[in-house]
Structures are given as C-alpha cells and as structure tokens.
C-alpha atoms as a PDB file:
ATOM      1  CA  UNK A   1       0.000   0.000   0.000  1.00  0.00           C
ATOM      2  CA  UNK A   2       1.360   3.445  -0.868  1.00  0.00           C
ATOM      3  CA  UNK A   3       2.415   5.694   1.965  1.00  0.00           C
ATOM      4  CA  UNK A   4       0.814   9.116   1.641  1.00  0.00           C
ATOM      5  CA  UNK A   5       2.026  12.425   3.007  1.00  0.00           C
ATOM      6  CA  UNK A   6       0.112  13.954   5.890  1.00  0.00           C
ATOM      7  CA  UNK A   7      -1.456  17.341   5.290  1.00  0.00           C
ATOM      8  CA  UNK A   8      -2.363  16.635   1.665  1.00  0.00           C
ATOM      9  CA  UNK A   9      -5.636  16.157  -0.219  1.00  0.00           C
ATOM     10  CA  UNK A  10      -6.237  13.970  -3.264  1.00  0.00           C
ATOM     11  CA  UNK A  11      -9.247  14.482  -5.534  1.00  0.00           C
ATOM     12  CA  UNK A  12     -10.723  11.877  -7.858  1.00  0.00           C
ATOM     13  CA  UNK A  13     -13.825  11.469 -10.034  1.00  0.00           C
ATOM     14  CA  UNK A  14     -15.871  13.976 -12.006  1.00  0.00           C
ATOM     15  CA  UNK A  15     -19.018  16.077 -12.261  1.00  0.00           C
ATOM     16  CA  UNK A  16     -20.886  15.914 -15.564  1.00  0.00           C
ATOM     17  CA  UNK A  17     -24.176  16.787 -17.189  1.00  0.00           C
ATOM     18  CA  UNK A  18     -25.804  19.146 -19.692  1.00  0.00           C
ATOM     19  CA  UNK A  19     -24.491  22.683 -20.007  1.00  0.00           C
ATOM     20  CA  UNK A  20     -26.361  25.372 -18.072  1.00  0.00           C
ATOM     21  CA  UNK A  21     -29.351  26.736 -19.914  1.00  0.00           C
ATOM     22  CA  UNK A  22     -27.642  30.123 -20.301  1.00  0.00           C
ATOM     23  CA  UNK A  23     -26.337  31.921 -23.426  1.00  0.00           C
ATOM     24  CA  UNK A  24     -22.784  32.147 -21.987  1.00  0.00           C
ATOM     25  CA  UNK A  25     -22.769  28.720 -20.332  1.00  0.00           C
ATOM     26  CA  UNK A  26     -19.231  27.841 -21.398  1.00  0.00           C
ATOM     27  CA  UNK A  27     -17.781  31.029 -19.960  1.00  0.00           C
ATOM     28  CA  UNK A  28     -19.636  30.549 -16.662  1.00  0.00           C
ATOM     29  CA  UNK A  29     -18.157  27.070 -16.232  1.00  0.00           C
ATOM     30  CA  UNK A  30     -14.658  28.239 -17.201  1.00  0.00           C
ATOM     31  CA  UNK A  31     -14.924  31.065 -14.648  1.00  0.00           C
ATOM     32  CA  UNK A  32     -15.989  28.631 -11.922  1.00  0.00           C
ATOM     33  CA  UNK A  33     -13.141  26.195 -12.675  1.00  0.00           C
ATOM     34  CA  UNK A  34     -10.659  29.097 -12.654  1.00  0.00           C
ATOM     35  CA  UNK A  35     -12.062  30.340  -9.346  1.00  0.00           C
ATOM     36  CA  UNK A  36     -11.806  26.835  -7.856  1.00  0.00           C
ATOM     37  CA  UNK A  37      -8.207  26.557  -9.038  1.00  0.00           C
ATOM     38  CA  UNK A  38      -7.403  29.911  -7.410  1.00  0.00           C
ATOM     39  CA  UNK A  39      -8.568  28.498  -4.073  1.00  0.00           C
ATOM     40  CA  UNK A  40      -6.410  25.396  -4.480  1.00  0.00           C
ATOM     41  CA  UNK A  41      -8.883  22.932  -6.012  1.00  0.00           C
ATOM     42  CA  UNK A  42      -7.269  21.325  -9.112  1.00  0.00           C
ATOM     43  CA  UNK A  43      -9.946  20.677 -11.771  1.00  0.00           C
ATOM     44  CA  UNK A  44     -10.120  20.412 -15.563  1.00  0.00           C
ATOM     45  CA  UNK A  45     -13.127  21.339 -17.719  1.00  0.00           C
ATOM     46  CA  UNK A  46     -14.136  19.535 -20.909  1.00  0.00           C
ATOM     47  CA  UNK A  47     -17.150  20.451 -23.060  1.00  0.00           C
ATOM     48  CA  UNK A  48     -18.588  18.625 -26.047  1.00  0.00           C
ATOM     49  CA  UNK A  49     -21.799  19.515 -27.792  1.00  0.00           C
ATOM     50  CA  UNK A  50     -24.319  20.416 -25.122  1.00  0.00           C
ATOM     51  CA  UNK A  51     -22.574  18.559 -22.283  1.00  0.00           C
ATOM     52  CA  UNK A  52     -19.688  19.193 -19.916  1.00  0.00           C
ATOM     53  CA  UNK A  53     -17.382  17.201 -17.660  1.00  0.00           C
ATOM     54  CA  UNK A  54     -15.320  18.608 -14.797  1.00  0.00           C
ATOM     55  CA  UNK A  55     -12.559  16.147 -13.959  1.00  0.00           C
ATOM     56  CA  UNK A  56     -10.462  16.128 -10.813  1.00  0.00           C
ATOM     57  CA  UNK A  57      -6.685  16.297 -11.078  1.00  0.00           C
ATOM     58  CA  UNK A  58      -5.609  13.485  -8.758  1.00  0.00           C
ATOM     59  CA  UNK A  59      -2.211  14.924  -7.891  1.00  0.00           C
ATOM     60  CA  UNK A  60      -1.885  15.593  -4.114  1.00  0.00           C
ATOM     61  CA  UNK A  61      -2.046  19.216  -2.977  1.00  0.00           C
ATOM     62  CA  UNK A  62      -1.719  20.926   0.395  1.00  0.00           C
ATOM     63  CA  UNK A  63      -4.825  20.662   2.592  1.00  0.00           C
ATOM     64  CA  UNK A  64      -4.112  24.107   4.049  1.00  0.00           C
ATOM     65  CA  UNK A  65      -5.136  25.588   0.694  1.00  0.00           C
ATOM     66  CA  UNK A  66      -8.745  24.725   1.612  1.00  0.00           C
ATOM     67  CA  UNK A  67      -8.662  25.825   5.241  1.00  0.00           C
ATOM     68  CA  UNK A  68      -9.302  23.847   8.448  1.00  0.00           C
ATOM     69  CA  UNK A  69     -12.074  21.660   6.948  1.00  0.00           C
ATOM     70  CA  UNK A  70     -11.184  20.682   3.336  1.00  0.00           C
ATOM     71  CA  UNK A  71     -14.332  18.574   2.796  1.00  0.00           C
ATOM     72  CA  UNK A  72     -16.604  21.450   3.821  1.00  0.00           C
ATOM     73  CA  UNK A  73     -14.680  23.855   1.581  1.00  0.00           C
ATOM     74  CA  UNK A  74     -15.037  21.480  -1.369  1.00  0.00           C
ATOM     75  CA  UNK A  75     -18.771  21.049  -0.751  1.00  0.00           C
ATOM     76  CA  UNK A  76     -19.244  24.814  -0.571  1.00  0.00           C
ATOM     77  CA  UNK A  77     -17.379  25.280  -3.835  1.00  0.00           C
ATOM     78  CA  UNK A  78     -19.452  22.585  -5.601  1.00  0.00           C
ATOM     79  CA  UNK A  79     -22.661  24.232  -4.368  1.00  0.00           C
ATOM     80  CA  UNK A  80     -21.388  27.401  -6.042  1.00  0.00           C
ATOM     81  CA  UNK A  81     -21.171  25.411  -9.281  1.00  0.00           C
ATOM     82  CA  UNK A  82     -24.713  24.096  -8.876  1.00  0.00           C
ATOM     83  CA  UNK A  83     -26.052  27.624  -8.456  1.00  0.00           C
ATOM     84  CA  UNK A  84     -25.055  28.286 -12.089  1.00  0.00           C
ATOM     85  CA  UNK A  85     -27.867  25.926 -13.148  1.00  0.00           C
ATOM     86  CA  UNK A  86     -31.629  26.422 -12.919  1.00  0.00           C
ATOM     87  CA  UNK A  87     -33.088  24.359 -10.014  1.00  0.00           C
ATOM     88  CA  UNK A  88     -34.817  21.866 -12.328  1.00  0.00           C
ATOM     89  CA  UNK A  89     -31.600  21.270 -14.287  1.00  0.00           C
ATOM     90  CA  UNK A  90     -29.485  20.464 -11.216  1.00  0.00           C
ATOM     91  CA  UNK A  91     -31.155  17.047 -10.929  1.00  0.00           C
ATOM     92  CA  UNK A  92     -29.604  16.112 -14.292  1.00  0.00           C
ATOM     93  CA  UNK A  93     -26.064  16.544 -12.975  1.00  0.00           C
ATOM     94  CA  UNK A  94     -24.059  13.519 -11.854  1.00  0.00           C
ATOM     95  CA  UNK A  95     -21.093  13.460  -9.497  1.00  0.00           C
ATOM     96  CA  UNK A  96     -18.521  10.775  -8.705  1.00  0.00           C
ATOM     97  CA  UNK A  97     -16.212  13.281  -7.040  1.00  0.00           C
ATOM     98  CA  UNK A  98     -14.435  12.106  -3.901  1.00  0.00           C
ATOM     99  CA  UNK A  99     -11.598  13.437  -1.776  1.00  0.00           C
ATOM    100  CA  UNK A 100      -8.997  11.853   0.471  1.00  0.00           C
ATOM    101  CA  UNK A 101      -7.563  14.039   3.215  1.00  0.00           C
ATOM    102  CA  UNK A 102      -4.393  12.492   4.665  1.00  0.00           C
ATOM    103  CA  UNK A 103      -3.980  13.045   8.403  1.00  0.00           C
ATOM    104  CA  UNK A 104      -1.637  11.386  10.885  1.00  0.00           C
ATOM    105  CA  UNK A 105      -2.183   7.624  10.614  1.00  0.00           C
ATOM    106  CA  UNK A 106      -5.470   7.884   8.714  1.00  0.00           C
ATOM    107  CA  UNK A 107      -7.346   8.984   5.621  1.00  0.00           C
ATOM    108  CA  UNK A 108     -10.592  10.970   5.687  1.00  0.00           C
ATOM    109  CA  UNK A 109     -12.489   9.797   2.599  1.00  0.00           C
ATOM    110  CA  UNK A 110     -15.432  11.929   1.460  1.00  0.00           C
ATOM    111  CA  UNK A 111     -17.883  11.355  -1.400  1.00  0.00           C
ATOM    112  CA  UNK A 112     -19.759  14.323  -2.917  1.00  0.00           C
ATOM    113  CA  UNK A 113     -23.138  13.424  -4.461  1.00  0.00           C
ATOM    114  CA  UNK A 114     -25.871  15.711  -5.767  1.00  0.00           C
ATOM    115  CA  UNK A 115     -29.176  15.304  -3.952  1.00  0.00           C
ATOM    116  CA  UNK A 116     -32.688  15.619  -5.280  1.00  0.00           C
ATOM    117  CA  UNK A 117     -32.832  19.123  -3.788  1.00  0.00           C
ATOM    118  CA  UNK A 118     -30.008  20.208  -6.090  1.00  0.00           C
ATOM    119  CA  UNK A 119     -27.494  20.522  -3.247  1.00  0.00           C
ATOM    120  CA  UNK A 120     -24.323  18.606  -2.425  1.00  0.00           C
ATOM    121  CA  UNK A 121     -24.552  15.688  -0.032  1.00  0.00           C
ATOM    122  CA  UNK A 122     -21.310  14.567   1.630  1.00  0.00           C
ATOM    123  CA  UNK A 123     -20.601  11.152   3.122  1.00  0.00           C
ATOM    124  CA  UNK A 124     -17.320  10.734   5.004  1.00  0.00           C
ATOM    125  CA  UNK A 125     -15.448   7.946   6.730  1.00  0.00           C
ATOM    126  CA  UNK A 126     -12.057   7.731   8.391  1.00  0.00           C
ATOM    127  CA  UNK A 127      -9.856   4.669   7.906  1.00  0.00           C
ATOM    128  CA  UNK A 128      -6.407   3.771   9.174  1.00  0.00           C
ATOM    129  CA  UNK A 129      -3.588   4.250   6.670  1.00  0.00           C
ATOM    130  CA  UNK A 130       0.183   4.313   6.333  1.00  0.00           C
ATOM    131  CA  UNK A 131       1.171   7.980   6.341  1.00  0.00           C
ATOM    132  CA  UNK A 132       4.339   9.981   6.689  1.00  0.00           C
ATOM    133  CA  UNK A 133       4.865  13.514   7.946  1.00  0.00           C
ATOM    134  CA  UNK A 134       5.709  16.221   5.403  1.00  0.00           C
ATOM    135  CA  UNK A 135       9.350  17.043   4.825  1.00  0.00           C
ATOM    136  CA  UNK A 136      10.632  19.454   7.455  1.00  0.00           C
ATOM    137  CA  UNK A 137      11.698  22.869   6.096  1.00  0.00           C
ATOM    138  CA  UNK A 138      15.428  23.505   5.931  1.00  0.00           C
ATOM    139  CA  UNK A 139      17.061  25.802   8.458  1.00  0.00           C
ATOM    140  CA  UNK A 140      18.533  29.090   7.264  1.00  0.00           C
ATOM    141  CA  UNK A 141      22.103  27.847   7.790  1.00  0.00           C
ATOM    142  CA  UNK A 142      21.376  24.691   5.780  1.00  0.00           C
ATOM    143  CA  UNK A 143      19.865  26.744   2.957  1.00  0.00           C
ATOM    144  CA  UNK A 144      22.945  29.024   2.862  1.00  0.00           C
ATOM    145  CA  UNK A 145      25.299  26.022   2.934  1.00  0.00           C
ATOM    146  CA  UNK A 146      23.509  24.314   0.048  1.00  0.00           C
ATOM    147  CA  UNK A 147      23.426  27.525  -1.970  1.00  0.00           C
ATOM    148  CA  UNK A 148      27.176  28.017  -1.573  1.00  0.00           C
ATOM    149  CA  UNK A 149      27.851  24.434  -2.616  1.00  0.00           C
ATOM    150  CA  UNK A 150      25.557  24.818  -5.603  1.00  0.00           C
ATOM    151  CA  UNK A 151      27.196  28.088  -6.671  1.00  0.00           C
ATOM    152  CA  UNK A 152      30.643  26.502  -6.438  1.00  0.00           C
ATOM    153  CA  UNK A 153      29.608  23.517  -8.538  1.00  0.00           C
ATOM    154  CA  UNK A 154      27.854  25.756 -11.070  1.00  0.00           C
ATOM    155  CA  UNK A 155      30.916  27.992 -11.401  1.00  0.00           C
ATOM    156  CA  UNK A 156      33.159  24.988 -11.994  1.00  0.00           C
ATOM    157  CA  UNK A 157      30.781  23.576 -14.625  1.00  0.00           C
ATOM    158  CA  UNK A 158      30.574  26.973 -16.333  1.00  0.00           C
ATOM    159  CA  UNK A 159      34.364  27.315 -16.526  1.00  0.00           C
ATOM    160  CA  UNK A 160      34.834  23.840 -17.982  1.00  0.00           C
ATOM    161  CA  UNK A 161      31.852  23.977 -20.367  1.00  0.00           C
ATOM    162  CA  UNK A 162      32.925  27.365 -21.744  1.00  0.00           C
ATOM    163  CA  UNK A 163      35.615  25.458 -23.622  1.00  0.00           C
ATOM    164  CA  UNK A 164      32.947  23.581 -25.597  1.00  0.00           C
ATOM    165  CA  UNK A 165      29.756  25.713 -25.533  1.00  0.00           C
ATOM    166  CA  UNK A 166      29.134  28.956 -27.431  1.00  0.00           C
ATOM    167  CA  UNK A 167      27.411  30.853 -24.630  1.00  0.00           C
ATOM    168  CA  UNK A 168      27.029  33.992 -26.748  1.00  0.00           C
ATOM    169  CA  UNK A 169      24.865  32.148 -29.295  1.00  0.00           C
ATOM    170  CA  UNK A 170      23.047  30.344 -26.497  1.00  0.00           C
ATOM    171  CA  UNK A 171      22.237  33.639 -24.769  1.00  0.00           C
ATOM    172  CA  UNK A 172      20.977  35.116 -28.028  1.00  0.00           C
ATOM    173  CA  UNK A 173      18.649  32.157 -28.570  1.00  0.00           C
ATOM    174  CA  UNK A 174      17.411  32.431 -24.990  1.00  0.00           C
ATOM    175  CA  UNK A 175      16.609  36.119 -25.410  1.00  0.00           C
ATOM    176  CA  UNK A 176      14.839  35.387 -28.682  1.00  0.00           C
ATOM    177  CA  UNK A 177      12.703  32.739 -26.985  1.00  0.00           C
ATOM    178  CA  UNK A 178      11.332  35.099 -24.299  1.00  0.00           C
ATOM    179  CA  UNK A 179      10.918  38.357 -26.206  1.00  0.00           C
ATOM    180  CA  UNK A 180       7.759  38.766 -28.310  1.00  0.00           C
ATOM    181  CA  UNK A 181       8.090  38.062 -32.016  1.00  0.00           C
ATOM    182  CA  UNK A 182       7.925  41.149 -34.256  1.00  0.00           C
ATOM    183  CA  UNK A 183       6.282  40.363 -37.613  1.00  0.00           C
ATOM    184  CA  UNK A 184       8.216  43.150 -39.334  1.00  0.00           C
ATOM    185  CA  UNK A 185      11.545  41.539 -38.362  1.00  0.00           C
ATOM    186  CA  UNK A 186      10.771  38.241 -40.101  1.00  0.00           C
ATOM    187  CA  UNK A 187      12.408  38.277 -43.533  1.00  0.00           C
ATOM    188  CA  UNK A 188      10.201  36.651 -46.168  1.00  0.00           C
ATOM    189  CA  UNK A 189      11.856  35.053 -49.181  1.00  0.00           C
ATOM    190  CA  UNK A 190       9.272  34.468 -51.913  1.00  0.00           C
ATOM    191  CA  UNK A 191      11.716  34.200 -54.824  1.00  0.00           C
ATOM    192  CA  UNK A 192      10.240  30.892 -56.022  1.00  0.00           C
ATOM    193  CA  UNK A 193       6.702  32.223 -56.521  1.00  0.00           C
ATOM    194  CA  UNK A 194       7.268  35.987 -56.847  1.00  0.00           C
ATOM    195  CA  UNK A 195       5.943  36.048 -60.429  1.00  0.00           C
ATOM    196  CA  UNK A 196       2.603  34.586 -59.264  1.00  0.00           C
ATOM    197  CA  UNK A 197       1.941  36.157 -55.862  1.00  0.00           C
ATOM    198  CA  UNK A 198       3.476  38.377 -53.171  1.00  0.00           C
ATOM    199  CA  UNK A 199       3.756  37.556 -49.455  1.00  0.00           C
ATOM    200  CA  UNK A 200       4.025  40.032 -46.575  1.00  0.00           C
ATOM    201  CA  UNK A 201       3.982  39.505 -42.801  1.00  0.00           C
ATOM    202  CA  UNK A 202       0.962  41.253 -41.280  1.00  0.00           C
ATOM    203  CA  UNK A 203       0.906  40.535 -37.539  1.00  0.00           C
ATOM    204  CA  UNK A 204       1.823  38.021 -34.848  1.00  0.00           C
ATOM    205  CA  UNK A 205      -1.361  36.638 -33.272  1.00  0.00           C
ATOM    206  CA  UNK A 206      -2.575  33.997 -30.787  1.00  0.00           C
ATOM    207  CA  UNK A 207      -0.187  35.105 -28.087  1.00  0.00           C
ATOM    208  CA  UNK A 208       2.867  34.854 -30.315  1.00  0.00           C
ATOM    209  CA  UNK A 209       2.214  31.319 -31.557  1.00  0.00           C
ATOM    210  CA  UNK A 210       0.946  32.233 -35.047  1.00  0.00           C
ATOM    211  CA  UNK A 211       1.725  34.625 -37.886  1.00  0.00           C
ATOM    212  CA  UNK A 212      -0.898  36.269 -40.094  1.00  0.00           C
ATOM    213  CA  UNK A 213       0.377  36.956 -43.599  1.00  0.00           C
ATOM    214  CA  UNK A 214      -1.028  38.841 -46.603  1.00  0.00           C
ATOM    215  CA  UNK A 215      -0.869  37.104 -49.997  1.00  0.00           C
ATOM    216  CA  UNK A 216      -1.759  38.988 -53.183  1.00  0.00           C
ATOM    217  CA  UNK A 217      -1.857  37.358 -56.594  1.00  0.00           C
ATOM    218  CA  UNK A 218      -0.170  38.898 -59.605  1.00  0.00           C
ATOM    219  CA  UNK A 219      -1.503  39.067 -63.159  1.00  0.00           C
ATOM    220  CA  UNK A 220       0.346  35.815 -63.969  1.00  0.00           C
ATOM    221  CA  UNK A 221      -1.391  33.775 -61.265  1.00  0.00           C
ATOM    222  CA  UNK A 222      -3.369  30.930 -62.942  1.00  0.00           C
ATOM    223  CA  UNK A 223      -7.053  31.086 -61.996  1.00  0.00           C
ATOM    224  CA  UNK A 224      -8.314  28.127 -64.075  1.00  0.00           C
ATOM    225  CA  UNK A 225      -7.399  24.496 -64.672  1.00  0.00           C
ATOM    226  CA  UNK A 226      -6.878  25.273 -68.340  1.00  0.00           C
ATOM    227  CA  UNK A 227      -4.153  27.793 -67.522  1.00  0.00           C
ATOM    228  CA  UNK A 228      -2.479  25.314 -65.164  1.00  0.00           C
ATOM    229  CA  UNK A 229      -2.539  22.570 -67.803  1.00  0.00           C
ATOM    230  CA  UNK A 230      -1.042  24.913 -70.387  1.00  0.00           C
ATOM    231  CA  UNK A 231       1.691  26.040 -67.980  1.00  0.00           C
ATOM    232  CA  UNK A 232       2.531  22.456 -67.016  1.00  0.00           C
ATOM    233  CA  UNK A 233       2.885  21.390 -70.662  1.00  0.00           C
ATOM    234  CA  UNK A 234       5.157  24.342 -71.351  1.00  0.00           C
ATOM    235  CA  UNK A 235       7.392  23.726 -68.314  1.00  0.00           C
ATOM    236  CA  UNK A 236      10.938  22.753 -69.303  1.00  0.00           C
ATOM    237  CA  UNK A 237      12.564  22.033 -65.934  1.00  0.00           C
ATOM    238  CA  UNK A 238      11.777  20.012 -62.833  1.00  0.00           C
ATOM    239  CA  UNK A 239      11.751  23.252 -60.840  1.00  0.00           C
ATOM    240  CA  UNK A 240       9.020  24.749 -63.044  1.00  0.00           C
ATOM    241  CA  UNK A 241       6.939  21.575 -62.928  1.00  0.00           C
ATOM    242  CA  UNK A 242       7.111  21.350 -59.112  1.00  0.00           C
ATOM    243  CA  UNK A 243       6.196  25.012 -58.826  1.00  0.00           C
ATOM    244  CA  UNK A 244       3.158  24.624 -61.099  1.00  0.00           C
ATOM    245  CA  UNK A 245       2.066  21.445 -59.311  1.00  0.00           C
ATOM    246  CA  UNK A 246       2.081  23.373 -56.007  1.00  0.00           C
ATOM    247  CA  UNK A 247      -0.108  26.059 -57.593  1.00  0.00           C
ATOM    248  CA  UNK A 248      -2.463  23.341 -58.832  1.00  0.00           C
ATOM    249  CA  UNK A 249      -2.703  21.722 -55.384  1.00  0.00           C
ATOM    250  CA  UNK A 250      -3.508  25.091 -53.864  1.00  0.00           C
ATOM    251  CA  UNK A 251      -0.834  24.750 -51.172  1.00  0.00           C
ATOM    252  CA  UNK A 252       2.764  25.984 -50.855  1.00  0.00           C
ATOM    253  CA  UNK A 253       5.242  25.432 -48.058  1.00  0.00           C
ATOM    254  CA  UNK A 254       6.863  27.949 -45.702  1.00  0.00           C
ATOM    255  CA  UNK A 255      10.179  26.981 -44.109  1.00  0.00           C
ATOM    256  CA  UNK A 256      11.541  28.817 -41.066  1.00  0.00           C
ATOM    257  CA  UNK A 257      15.226  29.550 -40.330  1.00  0.00           C
ATOM    258  CA  UNK A 258      16.975  31.244 -37.419  1.00  0.00           C
ATOM    259  CA  UNK A 259      19.611  33.990 -37.651  1.00  0.00           C
ATOM    260  CA  UNK A 260      22.334  31.372 -38.195  1.00  0.00           C
ATOM    261  CA  UNK A 261      20.468  29.642 -41.029  1.00  0.00           C
ATOM    262  CA  UNK A 262      19.371  26.657 -38.936  1.00  0.00           C
ATOM    263  CA  UNK A 263      16.132  25.058 -40.155  1.00  0.00           C
ATOM    264  CA  UNK A 264      13.394  25.465 -37.497  1.00  0.00           C
ATOM    265  CA  UNK A 265      10.431  23.776 -39.151  1.00  0.00           C
ATOM    266  CA  UNK A 266       7.865  24.128 -41.897  1.00  0.00           C
ATOM    267  CA  UNK A 267       4.148  24.722 -42.401  1.00  0.00           C
ATOM    268  CA  UNK A 268       1.761  24.671 -45.341  1.00  0.00           C
ATOM    269  CA  UNK A 269       0.052  27.792 -46.676  1.00  0.00           C
ATOM    270  CA  UNK A 270      -3.272  27.494 -48.494  1.00  0.00           C
ATOM    271  CA  UNK A 271      -3.354  29.622 -51.649  1.00  0.00           C
ATOM    272  CA  UNK A 272      -6.302  27.970 -53.415  1.00  0.00           C
ATOM    273  CA  UNK A 273      -8.497  30.954 -52.522  1.00  0.00           C
ATOM    274  CA  UNK A 274      -6.462  33.184 -54.829  1.00  0.00           C
ATOM    275  CA  UNK A 275      -8.233  31.623 -57.795  1.00  0.00           C
ATOM    276  CA  UNK A 276     -11.384  33.519 -56.788  1.00  0.00           C
ATOM    277  CA  UNK A 277      -9.991  36.369 -54.727  1.00  0.00           C
ATOM    278  CA  UNK A 278      -7.150  38.761 -55.407  1.00  0.00           C
ATOM    279  CA  UNK A 279      -5.765  38.425 -51.881  1.00  0.00           C
ATOM    280  CA  UNK A 280      -5.898  36.253 -48.774  1.00  0.00           C
ATOM    281  CA  UNK A 281      -4.867  36.559 -45.122  1.00  0.00           C
ATOM    282  CA  UNK A 282      -4.052  33.064 -43.849  1.00  0.00           C
ATOM    283  CA  UNK A 283      -2.683  32.419 -40.349  1.00  0.00           C
ATOM    284  CA  UNK A 284       0.197  29.962 -39.987  1.00  0.00           C
ATOM    285  CA  UNK A 285       1.921  28.483 -36.942  1.00  0.00           C
ATOM    286  CA  UNK A 286       5.256  29.832 -35.749  1.00  0.00           C
ATOM    287  CA  UNK A 287       8.055  27.580 -34.442  1.00  0.00           C
ATOM    288  CA  UNK A 288       8.914  27.641 -30.746  1.00  0.00           C
ATOM    289  CA  UNK A 289      12.260  29.294 -31.584  1.00  0.00           C
ATOM    290  CA  UNK A 290      12.103  32.843 -32.961  1.00  0.00           C
ATOM    291  CA  UNK A 291      12.485  32.707 -36.784  1.00  0.00           C
ATOM    292  CA  UNK A 292      14.677  35.189 -38.625  1.00  0.00           C
ATOM    293  CA  UNK A 293      13.638  34.192 -42.146  1.00  0.00           C
ATOM    294  CA  UNK A 294      10.691  32.472 -43.826  1.00  0.00           C
ATOM    295  CA  UNK A 295      11.198  30.959 -47.282  1.00  0.00           C
ATOM    296  CA  UNK A 296       8.160  30.155 -49.412  1.00  0.00           C
ATOM    297  CA  UNK A 297       8.720  27.132 -51.642  1.00  0.00           C
ATOM    298  CA  UNK A 298       6.948  24.139 -53.192  1.00  0.00           C
END
C-alpha cells in the first residue's frame, strides 16, 4: 500500500451533465473552474456539444489551501457550481467526485453526491492508513550552505563547459525565446513564386504562436485548370513543374530559419483561394524558436 504524506488532499472522479441553460454557459463554467483553481482545487473542464465534464486532477495538494475543513470547503465550492444551473436542471447533474484528506495515521475519505434538492450531499469515513509527515523545512544555515555548494559547482561547470559551448549564441537564442516576435523583423523570401503572388507579414497573433500573412496574386497567377494545364505542358525544368504542381494543389510550403540559417520547421500555406480572390490573409503556426527568415517554396 502506498504511503501518503500527511497534510495533503487527493481528488478523484468527475461532475458531468448538460451545459447550463444560459447563453454564456461555457464562460460561466470556465470562470468557476478558474475560481476553484485559485482556491487550491485542481480541476479540468471539458465540453462537447451540449454537455460538460469537470474532472479532478488526482495529484496531491496541500490541505491548508482549503482551510481547516477541506471537505466542507469542497462542498461549498461545488454548491457554487450548482447555483449556475436552474433548479430543475441540477437534478440532471451527476457526481462521482471524492476526496482523500491524509492526516496522521489515517485517511478521511469523502464522497460528494448531488441530492434531489439540487445541493451537495457529503458522506465521510475515516480509515487507518500508512502515512508519513511532510518534509521538514530547511534551516537558514542549511539553505545558505547548500546555496554556496551549488554556486561553487555551477561555477566549476561553467568554466569547464565554456571550452565547448558557445554561450554567446546560447544567450541570443534564450533572449529570442522570451521576447515577443515582431512580424516586421521576419524576412520573407518568396523568390520561387514571386511572379505569381506576393507575401508580406501582417501581424503576430494567438499570443505569439501564429503569424498572419497577406498574400496577393499577380496578373500571372493561374485562376483556371486550363491555364495550369497549359503552364505544365510548357514547363521545361523540374523546378518549373514542381512550382506549377504546387499552384495546382492550392498549397505551398513555408520553411523557417533562425539567424544562423538553422532550419526550425515548416508549415503549409493554403493559396487555393487566390483563384477567386485577389488576396488572402491566412494564419500559420510559428516555431517555438524565434524565426529570422521564412522561405516560401513548393
């Protein structure tokens, strides 16, 4: 049997049912889960169609986060969730949520069910268990001693590794990874397709994880299958054929490179819409490392 640490709480199970009969039901549930997390209750929300599931994260957390009576605090929080639903809809909710509070030599196990009155019913029992006290905090002298040892070891490692590691390049990559990406600083190389369309970076979106670009077709962009067939028959080189085949598929590829020319990844760009429209503004994913250059190719 596993030995559990005293002063911790473990949650298990879920609460599920139809979404609240409210226009902003999803936001209400997200707000409640966020509020519960702020008070120390680890939960995850999943929604699908007209239903939701709130699942417990079964990793142990400190009981002190919930105050002197964790079970009562959990019940109060769940009742706050139930109040988001009309009284008649609360009876459709189902709960298998349970908690285990680890105390010295025992576990307090509590089950949280939803009664016919639309309120939480709790049923608790205490059983003997193998427990261990939490790790004692280090004294100030011990903390200082360990810090000095760690600094000495780190300094030695830094001196030795400097012979093999380019810390200047490493620092530059680290700075690039934490500073926001500037769309105007990403160089776009569209040499392959420049006679058919232009590409410009517009803005970094989605919290820095995506790049919105502006694509505008030129007069030579083929807008019909007949033009594509004629161009393919007239192509003399493999390069021209691959380029025309990419135009026919309606997708081209963007490859990312860092400041040192290292390949960072690639994504596909949909250009099929240019057959009907003169321009498009697709959004493409950015690599985790800040790109210096984006090359558009087939």
